[in-house]
Amino acid sequence: MNNGHGVDVNELSDSVTDDELHVAAHEPPLATMPTTRRAIVMALKRHGNMRSGELAELLGITVAAVRQQLVRLDQDGLVTHRRDPDGRGRPSHTYQLTPAAEMLFPKRYGDLTTELLGYLGGPESDEVGRLFEQRGRRRLADARGRLAEKPLAEQVNELTRILDEDGYLADVEELPEGGWRITEHNCAILSVATGFRQACSSELSFIRNALPGARVERVAHLMDGAHVCAYEVQPRS
C-alpha cells in the first residue's frame, strides 16, 4: 500500500499491527520508510553524491542490498544517477537525491510564517490583516481568469479544483435541496490559521468574492472542532 509519498507501508515490517500502520501512515514520510531505504536517503542527504559501494561500506551492508533499494528509490522518483569513471576506466554509477526527495524531510515554513507575522504585531495587528487581504486579492485575480463567463455550477466545480490544487484536498457535492457544499478535508495553512484567524476569514472572503453570483456560508470549521472546513453555496435569487 503506497501512502502517497512513494513509501510502501506494507514493507515496514511483517509484524506491524494495524494500529502501528495507522500511526505510520500519518508520520512524516521519511519515518515510514523501510529502515535500509531510509538509511540510504539519509546518507545521500548528508554526503551528496555517492556510489553504491560507498553506501554499502558506510551502512555496513552488501552492495547488492544497496542496489536493490536504489532501484526502488529510483522508481519512486527520489534518487537519480549518472555514469562516471571510477578511476580505473570502468563506468560507475553515482547516486544523488532528486528535488522531489525534499518532501521527505521536515519543513517549518508554517512556523516561520507564524513567527514573522508575530513580529508585525500579532493576531490583532492591522498590518497582519492587510497582508491577508493582499493575499486574498492575489488569489482572486488568479482565479477570475478560470471562472470568467462560466455558469455558476461550473464556477463552483472550477473553484473546488483551484482549492484542491492549493493543497486543501477539496471536493464538492450537490445538495438535495439545491446548491452545493464545498468541503476542504485539509487545511493547507493550518499552523498559521491556528494563531491567526485572519487566515480563516480570508478563506471565506476569497470563496465569496470568487462566486459573486452565490451566497456562501461556512457550515463547518476546523478551528471550531470540526474535522473539515465546509462551505454551502446557494445561487442568489
C-alpha atoms as a PDB file:
ATOM      1  CA  MET A   1       0.000   0.000   0.000  1.00  0.00           C
ATOM      2  CA  ASN A   2       1.527   3.302  -1.115  1.00  0.00           C
ATOM      3  CA  ASN A   3       0.843   6.232   1.247  1.00  0.00           C
ATOM      4  CA  GLY A   4       1.154   8.889  -1.450  1.00  0.00           C
ATOM      5  CA  HIS A   5       4.795   9.717  -0.770  1.00  0.00           C
ATOM      6  CA  GLY A   6       6.403   6.840  -2.664  1.00  0.00           C
ATOM      7  CA  VAL A   7       6.539   4.826   0.566  1.00  0.00           C
ATOM      8  CA  ASP A   8       5.187   1.285   0.714  1.00  0.00           C
ATOM      9  CA  VAL A   9       3.727   0.954   4.219  1.00  0.00           C
ATOM     10  CA  ASN A  10       3.476  -2.824   3.796  1.00  0.00           C
ATOM     11  CA  GLU A  11       7.295  -3.036   3.738  1.00  0.00           C
ATOM     12  CA  LEU A  12       7.714  -1.600   7.215  1.00  0.00           C
ATOM     13  CA  SER A  13       7.585  -4.993   8.899  1.00  0.00           C
ATOM     14  CA  ASP A  14       5.676  -8.238   8.606  1.00  0.00           C
ATOM     15  CA  SER A  15       4.863  -7.985  12.313  1.00  0.00           C
ATOM     16  CA  VAL A  16       3.459  -4.437  12.312  1.00  0.00           C
ATOM     17  CA  THR A  17      -0.010  -4.197  13.807  1.00  0.00           C
ATOM     18  CA  ASP A  18      -2.963  -2.371  12.232  1.00  0.00           C
ATOM     19  CA  ASP A  19      -2.691   0.382  14.844  1.00  0.00           C
ATOM     20  CA  GLU A  20       1.023   0.804  14.123  1.00  0.00           C
ATOM     21  CA  LEU A  21       0.329   1.006  10.405  1.00  0.00           C
ATOM     22  CA  HIS A  22      -2.294   3.704  11.043  1.00  0.00           C
ATOM     23  CA  VAL A  23       0.243   5.735  13.005  1.00  0.00           C
ATOM     24  CA  ALA A  24       2.978   5.161  10.421  1.00  0.00           C
ATOM     25  CA  ALA A  25       0.753   6.379   7.593  1.00  0.00           C
ATOM     26  CA  HIS A  26       0.398   9.730   9.383  1.00  0.00           C
ATOM     27  CA  GLU A  27       4.050  10.157  10.381  1.00  0.00           C
ATOM     28  CA  PRO A  28       6.490  12.239   8.311  1.00  0.00           C
ATOM     29  CA  PRO A  29       7.230  10.335   5.056  1.00  0.00           C
ATOM     30  CA  LEU A  30      10.856   9.581   5.936  1.00  0.00           C
ATOM     31  CA  ALA A  31       9.854   7.956   9.221  1.00  0.00           C
ATOM     32  CA  THR A  32       7.599   5.453   7.420  1.00  0.00           C
ATOM     33  CA  MET A  33      10.294   4.185   5.070  1.00  0.00           C
ATOM     34  CA  PRO A  34      11.830   0.729   5.493  1.00  0.00           C
ATOM     35  CA  THR A  35      14.998   1.012   7.577  1.00  0.00           C
ATOM     36  CA  THR A  36      17.584   0.355   4.858  1.00  0.00           C
ATOM     37  CA  ARG A  37      15.936   2.664   2.351  1.00  0.00           C
ATOM     38  CA  ARG A  38      15.710   5.413   4.949  1.00  0.00           C
ATOM     39  CA  ALA A  39      19.402   4.980   5.811  1.00  0.00           C
ATOM     40  CA  ILE A  40      20.353   5.352   2.137  1.00  0.00           C
ATOM     41  CA  VAL A  41      18.287   8.517   1.793  1.00  0.00           C
ATOM     42  CA  MET A  42      19.855   9.976   4.939  1.00  0.00           C
ATOM     43  CA  ALA A  43      23.356   9.103   3.722  1.00  0.00           C
ATOM     44  CA  LEU A  44      22.761  10.796   0.366  1.00  0.00           C
ATOM     45  CA  LYS A  45      21.293  13.813   2.120  1.00  0.00           C
ATOM     46  CA  ARG A  46      24.335  14.147   4.377  1.00  0.00           C
ATOM     47  CA  HIS A  47      27.097  13.260   1.917  1.00  0.00           C
ATOM     48  CA  GLY A  48      25.713  14.213  -1.503  1.00  0.00           C
ATOM     49  CA  ASN A  49      26.738  12.075  -4.491  1.00  0.00           C
ATOM     50  CA  MET A  50      27.744   8.523  -3.561  1.00  0.00           C
ATOM     51  CA  ARG A  51      28.402   5.221  -5.336  1.00  0.00           C
ATOM     52  CA  SER A  52      26.646   2.037  -4.308  1.00  0.00           C
ATOM     53  CA  GLY A  53      29.910   0.648  -2.930  1.00  0.00           C
ATOM     54  CA  GLU A  54      30.432   3.726  -0.789  1.00  0.00           C
ATOM     55  CA  LEU A  55      26.892   3.450   0.545  1.00  0.00           C
ATOM     56  CA  ALA A  56      27.377  -0.241   1.310  1.00  0.00           C
ATOM     57  CA  GLU A  57      30.597   0.455   3.217  1.00  0.00           C
ATOM     58  CA  LEU A  58      29.044   3.338   5.150  1.00  0.00           C
ATOM     59  CA  LEU A  59      25.941   1.360   6.112  1.00  0.00           C
ATOM     60  CA  GLY A  60      27.669  -1.977   6.692  1.00  0.00           C
ATOM     61  CA  ILE A  61      25.532  -3.933   4.221  1.00  0.00           C
ATOM     62  CA  THR A  62      26.138  -5.622   0.883  1.00  0.00           C
ATOM     63  CA  VAL A  63      26.342  -3.746  -2.404  1.00  0.00           C
ATOM     64  CA  ALA A  64      23.541  -5.955  -3.732  1.00  0.00           C
ATOM     65  CA  ALA A  65      21.260  -4.851  -0.879  1.00  0.00           C
ATOM     66  CA  VAL A  66      22.068  -1.208  -1.555  1.00  0.00           C
ATOM     67  CA  ARG A  67      21.390  -1.552  -5.275  1.00  0.00           C
ATOM     68  CA  GLN A  68      18.056  -3.236  -4.616  1.00  0.00           C
ATOM     69  CA  GLN A  69      16.918  -0.280  -2.527  1.00  0.00           C
ATOM     70  CA  LEU A  70      18.347   2.241  -5.004  1.00  0.00           C
ATOM     71  CA  VAL A  71      16.198   0.688  -7.719  1.00  0.00           C
ATOM     72  CA  ARG A  72      13.086   1.239  -5.589  1.00  0.00           C
ATOM     73  CA  LEU A  73      14.100   4.801  -4.762  1.00  0.00           C
ATOM     74  CA  ASP A  74      14.715   5.477  -8.447  1.00  0.00           C
ATOM     75  CA  GLN A  75      11.286   4.068  -9.332  1.00  0.00           C
ATOM     76  CA  ASP A  76       9.738   6.351  -6.725  1.00  0.00           C
ATOM     77  CA  GLY A  77      11.482   9.356  -8.258  1.00  0.00           C
ATOM     78  CA  LEU A  78      13.550  10.030  -5.127  1.00  0.00           C
ATOM     79  CA  VAL A  79      17.004   9.141  -6.453  1.00  0.00           C
ATOM     80  CA  THR A  80      18.763   9.749  -9.741  1.00  0.00           C
ATOM     81  CA  HIS A  81      22.135   8.611 -11.013  1.00  0.00           C
ATOM     82  CA  ARG A  82      24.801   9.369 -13.582  1.00  0.00           C
ATOM     83  CA  ARG A  83      27.586   7.297 -15.110  1.00  0.00           C
ATOM     84  CA  ASP A  84      31.146   8.367 -14.479  1.00  0.00           C
ATOM     85  CA  PRO A  85      34.576   6.662 -14.449  1.00  0.00           C
ATOM     86  CA  ASP A  86      35.669   5.111 -11.174  1.00  0.00           C
ATOM     87  CA  GLY A  87      39.357   5.874 -11.742  1.00  0.00           C
ATOM     88  CA  ARG A  88      40.165   2.516 -13.321  1.00  0.00           C
ATOM     89  CA  GLY A  89      38.415   3.079 -16.631  1.00  0.00           C
ATOM     90  CA  ARG A  90      35.250   1.193 -15.758  1.00  0.00           C
ATOM     91  CA  PRO A  91      31.943   3.080 -15.736  1.00  0.00           C
ATOM     92  CA  SER A  92      30.286   3.516 -12.369  1.00  0.00           C
ATOM     93  CA  HIS A  93      27.015   4.990 -11.199  1.00  0.00           C
ATOM     94  CA  THR A  94      26.937   7.890  -8.789  1.00  0.00           C
ATOM     95  CA  TYR A  95      23.635   8.426  -6.960  1.00  0.00           C
ATOM     96  CA  GLN A  96      22.033  11.549  -5.576  1.00  0.00           C
ATOM     97  CA  LEU A  97      18.638  12.649  -4.296  1.00  0.00           C
ATOM     98  CA  THR A  98      16.181  14.308  -6.657  1.00  0.00           C
ATOM     99  CA  PRO A  99      14.403  17.585  -5.829  1.00  0.00           C
ATOM    100  CA  ALA A 100      11.287  15.500  -5.121  1.00  0.00           C
ATOM    101  CA  ALA A 101      13.096  13.875  -2.186  1.00  0.00           C
ATOM    102  CA  GLU A 102      12.930  17.175  -0.309  1.00  0.00           C
ATOM    103  CA  MET A 103       9.345  16.310   0.631  1.00  0.00           C
ATOM    104  CA  LEU A 104      10.732  13.564   2.871  1.00  0.00           C
ATOM    105  CA  PHE A 105      12.457  15.973   5.221  1.00  0.00           C
ATOM    106  CA  PRO A 106      10.841  18.220   7.845  1.00  0.00           C
ATOM    107  CA  LYS A 107       9.909  21.718   6.746  1.00  0.00           C
ATOM    108  CA  ARG A 108       8.987  24.503   9.134  1.00  0.00           C
ATOM    109  CA  TYR A 109       7.504  27.028   6.716  1.00  0.00           C
ATOM    110  CA  GLY A 110       4.358  27.404   8.784  1.00  0.00           C
ATOM    111  CA  ASP A 111       6.312  28.039  11.976  1.00  0.00           C
ATOM    112  CA  LEU A 112       8.461  30.624  10.214  1.00  0.00           C
ATOM    113  CA  THR A 113       5.420  32.388   8.775  1.00  0.00           C
ATOM    114  CA  THR A 114       3.721  32.458  12.169  1.00  0.00           C
ATOM    115  CA  GLU A 115       6.867  33.868  13.768  1.00  0.00           C
ATOM    116  CA  LEU A 116       7.223  36.596  11.132  1.00  0.00           C
ATOM    117  CA  LEU A 117       3.556  37.556  11.401  1.00  0.00           C
ATOM    118  CA  GLY A 118       4.021  37.814  15.141  1.00  0.00           C
ATOM    119  CA  TYR A 119       6.704  40.442  14.616  1.00  0.00           C
ATOM    120  CA  LEU A 120       4.081  42.563  12.820  1.00  0.00           C
ATOM    121  CA  GLY A 121       2.048  42.870  15.993  1.00  0.00           C
ATOM    122  CA  GLY A 122       0.309  39.535  16.449  1.00  0.00           C
ATOM    123  CA  PRO A 123      -3.218  38.394  15.596  1.00  0.00           C
ATOM    124  CA  GLU A 124      -4.856  41.761  16.279  1.00  0.00           C
ATOM    125  CA  SER A 125      -2.434  43.766  14.131  1.00  0.00           C
ATOM    126  CA  ASP A 126      -3.853  45.830  11.290  1.00  0.00           C
ATOM    127  CA  GLU A 127      -0.709  45.061   9.306  1.00  0.00           C
ATOM    128  CA  VAL A 128      -1.356  41.349   9.552  1.00  0.00           C
ATOM    129  CA  GLY A 129      -4.925  41.928   8.396  1.00  0.00           C
ATOM    130  CA  ARG A 130      -3.690  43.888   5.382  1.00  0.00           C
ATOM    131  CA  LEU A 131      -1.282  41.090   4.451  1.00  0.00           C
ATOM    132  CA  PHE A 132      -4.112  38.556   4.382  1.00  0.00           C
ATOM    133  CA  GLU A 133      -6.225  40.970   2.351  1.00  0.00           C
ATOM    134  CA  GLN A 134      -3.395  41.299  -0.146  1.00  0.00           C
ATOM    135  CA  ARG A 135      -3.078  37.525  -0.364  1.00  0.00           C
ATOM    136  CA  GLY A 136      -6.819  37.293  -0.940  1.00  0.00           C
ATOM    137  CA  ARG A 137      -6.657  39.799  -3.798  1.00  0.00           C
ATOM    138  CA  ARG A 138      -3.859  37.852  -5.442  1.00  0.00           C
ATOM    139  CA  ARG A 139      -5.749  34.563  -5.174  1.00  0.00           C
ATOM    140  CA  LEU A 140      -8.897  36.180  -6.530  1.00  0.00           C
ATOM    141  CA  ALA A 141      -7.063  37.677  -9.503  1.00  0.00           C
ATOM    142  CA  ASP A 142      -5.593  34.252 -10.299  1.00  0.00           C
ATOM    143  CA  ALA A 143      -8.978  32.551 -10.013  1.00  0.00           C
ATOM    144  CA  ARG A 144     -11.039  35.007 -12.040  1.00  0.00           C
ATOM    145  CA  GLY A 145      -9.453  34.021 -15.325  1.00  0.00           C
ATOM    146  CA  ARG A 146     -10.541  30.419 -14.785  1.00  0.00           C
ATOM    147  CA  LEU A 147     -14.042  31.291 -13.591  1.00  0.00           C
ATOM    148  CA  ALA A 148     -14.945  34.019 -16.092  1.00  0.00           C
ATOM    149  CA  GLU A 149     -18.012  33.529 -18.285  1.00  0.00           C
ATOM    150  CA  LYS A 150     -18.894  30.177 -16.750  1.00  0.00           C
ATOM    151  CA  PRO A 151     -22.342  29.373 -15.340  1.00  0.00           C
ATOM    152  CA  LEU A 152     -22.451  29.129 -11.563  1.00  0.00           C
ATOM    153  CA  ALA A 153     -22.354  25.331 -11.427  1.00  0.00           C
ATOM    154  CA  GLU A 154     -19.156  25.258 -13.489  1.00  0.00           C
ATOM    155  CA  GLN A 155     -17.692  28.075 -11.400  1.00  0.00           C
ATOM    156  CA  VAL A 156     -18.268  26.055  -8.235  1.00  0.00           C
ATOM    157  CA  ASN A 157     -16.591  22.992  -9.748  1.00  0.00           C
ATOM    158  CA  GLU A 158     -13.655  25.013 -11.068  1.00  0.00           C
ATOM    159  CA  LEU A 159     -13.189  26.835  -7.767  1.00  0.00           C
ATOM    160  CA  THR A 160     -13.129  23.481  -6.000  1.00  0.00           C
ATOM    161  CA  ARG A 161     -10.356  22.378  -8.349  1.00  0.00           C
ATOM    162  CA  ILE A 162      -8.432  25.554  -7.515  1.00  0.00           C
ATOM    163  CA  LEU A 163      -8.772  24.890  -3.785  1.00  0.00           C
ATOM    164  CA  ASP A 164      -7.664  21.296  -4.303  1.00  0.00           C
ATOM    165  CA  GLU A 165      -4.616  22.441  -6.275  1.00  0.00           C
ATOM    166  CA  ASP A 166      -3.796  24.809  -3.403  1.00  0.00           C
ATOM    167  CA  GLY A 167      -3.498  21.826  -1.083  1.00  0.00           C
ATOM    168  CA  TYR A 168      -6.903  21.890   0.629  1.00  0.00           C
ATOM    169  CA  LEU A 169      -7.941  18.403  -0.544  1.00  0.00           C
ATOM    170  CA  ALA A 170     -11.247  19.887  -1.652  1.00  0.00           C
ATOM    171  CA  ASP A 171     -14.300  18.267  -3.170  1.00  0.00           C
ATOM    172  CA  VAL A 172     -17.844  19.381  -3.933  1.00  0.00           C
ATOM    173  CA  GLU A 173     -21.260  17.763  -3.788  1.00  0.00           C
ATOM    174  CA  GLU A 174     -24.676  18.864  -4.954  1.00  0.00           C
ATOM    175  CA  LEU A 175     -27.192  19.297  -2.153  1.00  0.00           C
ATOM    176  CA  PRO A 176     -30.611  17.613  -2.403  1.00  0.00           C
ATOM    177  CA  GLU A 177     -32.378  20.915  -1.750  1.00  0.00           C
ATOM    178  CA  GLY A 178     -30.235  22.733  -4.312  1.00  0.00           C
ATOM    179  CA  GLY A 179     -26.848  24.370  -4.219  1.00  0.00           C
ATOM    180  CA  TRP A 180     -23.534  22.793  -3.360  1.00  0.00           C
ATOM    181  CA  ARG A 181     -21.274  22.022  -0.436  1.00  0.00           C
ATOM    182  CA  ILE A 182     -17.545  22.563  -0.899  1.00  0.00           C
ATOM    183  CA  THR A 183     -15.505  20.611   1.655  1.00  0.00           C
ATOM    184  CA  GLU A 184     -11.852  21.179   2.454  1.00  0.00           C
ATOM    185  CA  HIS A 185     -10.523  17.996   4.036  1.00  0.00           C
ATOM    186  CA  ASN A 186      -7.103  19.514   4.705  1.00  0.00           C
ATOM    187  CA  CYS A 187      -6.008  22.941   5.895  1.00  0.00           C
ATOM    188  CA  ALA A 188      -3.002  23.830   3.784  1.00  0.00           C
ATOM    189  CA  ILE A 189      -2.020  26.618   6.210  1.00  0.00           C
ATOM    190  CA  LEU A 190      -3.053  25.006   9.483  1.00  0.00           C
ATOM    191  CA  SER A 191      -0.149  26.214  11.624  1.00  0.00           C
ATOM    192  CA  VAL A 192      -0.761  29.799  10.520  1.00  0.00           C
ATOM    193  CA  ALA A 193      -4.543  29.567  10.846  1.00  0.00           C
ATOM    194  CA  THR A 194      -4.188  28.269  14.414  1.00  0.00           C
ATOM    195  CA  GLY A 195      -2.545  31.505  15.515  1.00  0.00           C
ATOM    196  CA  PHE A 196      -4.123  33.952  13.090  1.00  0.00           C
ATOM    197  CA  ARG A 197      -7.858  33.703  12.497  1.00  0.00           C
ATOM    198  CA  GLN A 198      -7.462  36.202   9.655  1.00  0.00           C
ATOM    199  CA  ALA A 199      -6.388  33.200   7.597  1.00  0.00           C
ATOM    200  CA  CYS A 200      -9.836  31.666   8.082  1.00  0.00           C
ATOM    201  CA  SER A 201     -11.791  34.856   7.421  1.00  0.00           C
ATOM    202  CA  SER A 202      -9.620  35.438   4.354  1.00  0.00           C
ATOM    203  CA  GLU A 203     -10.516  31.981   3.042  1.00  0.00           C
ATOM    204  CA  LEU A 204     -14.232  32.656   3.429  1.00  0.00           C
ATOM    205  CA  SER A 205     -13.886  36.060   1.766  1.00  0.00           C
ATOM    206  CA  PHE A 206     -11.962  34.527  -1.123  1.00  0.00           C
ATOM    207  CA  ILE A 207     -14.677  31.969  -1.839  1.00  0.00           C
ATOM    208  CA  ARG A 208     -17.411  34.598  -1.561  1.00  0.00           C
ATOM    209  CA  ASN A 209     -15.620  37.022  -3.853  1.00  0.00           C
ATOM    210  CA  ALA A 210     -14.853  34.273  -6.367  1.00  0.00           C
ATOM    211  CA  LEU A 211     -18.580  33.395  -6.544  1.00  0.00           C
ATOM    212  CA  PRO A 212     -20.375  36.754  -6.608  1.00  0.00           C
ATOM    213  CA  GLY A 213     -23.482  35.108  -8.021  1.00  0.00           C
ATOM    214  CA  ALA A 214     -23.936  32.946  -4.919  1.00  0.00           C
ATOM    215  CA  ARG A 215     -24.470  33.141  -1.200  1.00  0.00           C
ATOM    216  CA  VAL A 216     -21.660  31.342   0.646  1.00  0.00           C
ATOM    217  CA  GLU A 217     -21.795  30.311   4.304  1.00  0.00           C
ATOM    218  CA  ARG A 218     -19.259  28.329   6.281  1.00  0.00           C
ATOM    219  CA  VAL A 219     -21.079  25.382   7.850  1.00  0.00           C
ATOM    220  CA  ALA A 220     -18.119  23.507   9.378  1.00  0.00           C
ATOM    221  CA  HIS A 221     -14.874  24.917  10.696  1.00  0.00           C
ATOM    222  CA  LEU A 222     -11.714  23.068  11.649  1.00  0.00           C
ATOM    223  CA  MET A 223     -10.804  25.753  14.175  1.00  0.00           C
ATOM    224  CA  ASP A 224     -14.124  25.200  15.966  1.00  0.00           C
ATOM    225  CA  GLY A 225     -13.597  21.478  16.399  1.00  0.00           C
ATOM    226  CA  ALA A 226     -14.888  20.057  13.112  1.00  0.00           C
ATOM    227  CA  HIS A 227     -12.666  17.666  11.184  1.00  0.00           C
ATOM    228  CA  VAL A 228     -13.102  19.664   7.946  1.00  0.00           C
ATOM    229  CA  CYS A 229     -13.951  23.134   6.736  1.00  0.00           C
ATOM    230  CA  ALA A 230     -17.104  23.198   4.627  1.00  0.00           C
ATOM    231  CA  TYR A 231     -18.999  25.883   2.749  1.00  0.00           C
ATOM    232  CA  GLU A 232     -22.567  25.830   1.446  1.00  0.00           C
ATOM    233  CA  VAL A 233     -23.101  27.661  -1.813  1.00  0.00           C
ATOM    234  CA  GLN A 234     -26.583  28.780  -2.890  1.00  0.00           C
ATOM    235  CA  PRO A 235     -27.489  30.722  -6.029  1.00  0.00           C
ATOM    236  CA  ARG A 236     -28.666  34.253  -5.376  1.00  0.00           C
ATOM    237  CA  SER A 237     -32.326  34.782  -6.163  1.00  0.00           C
END
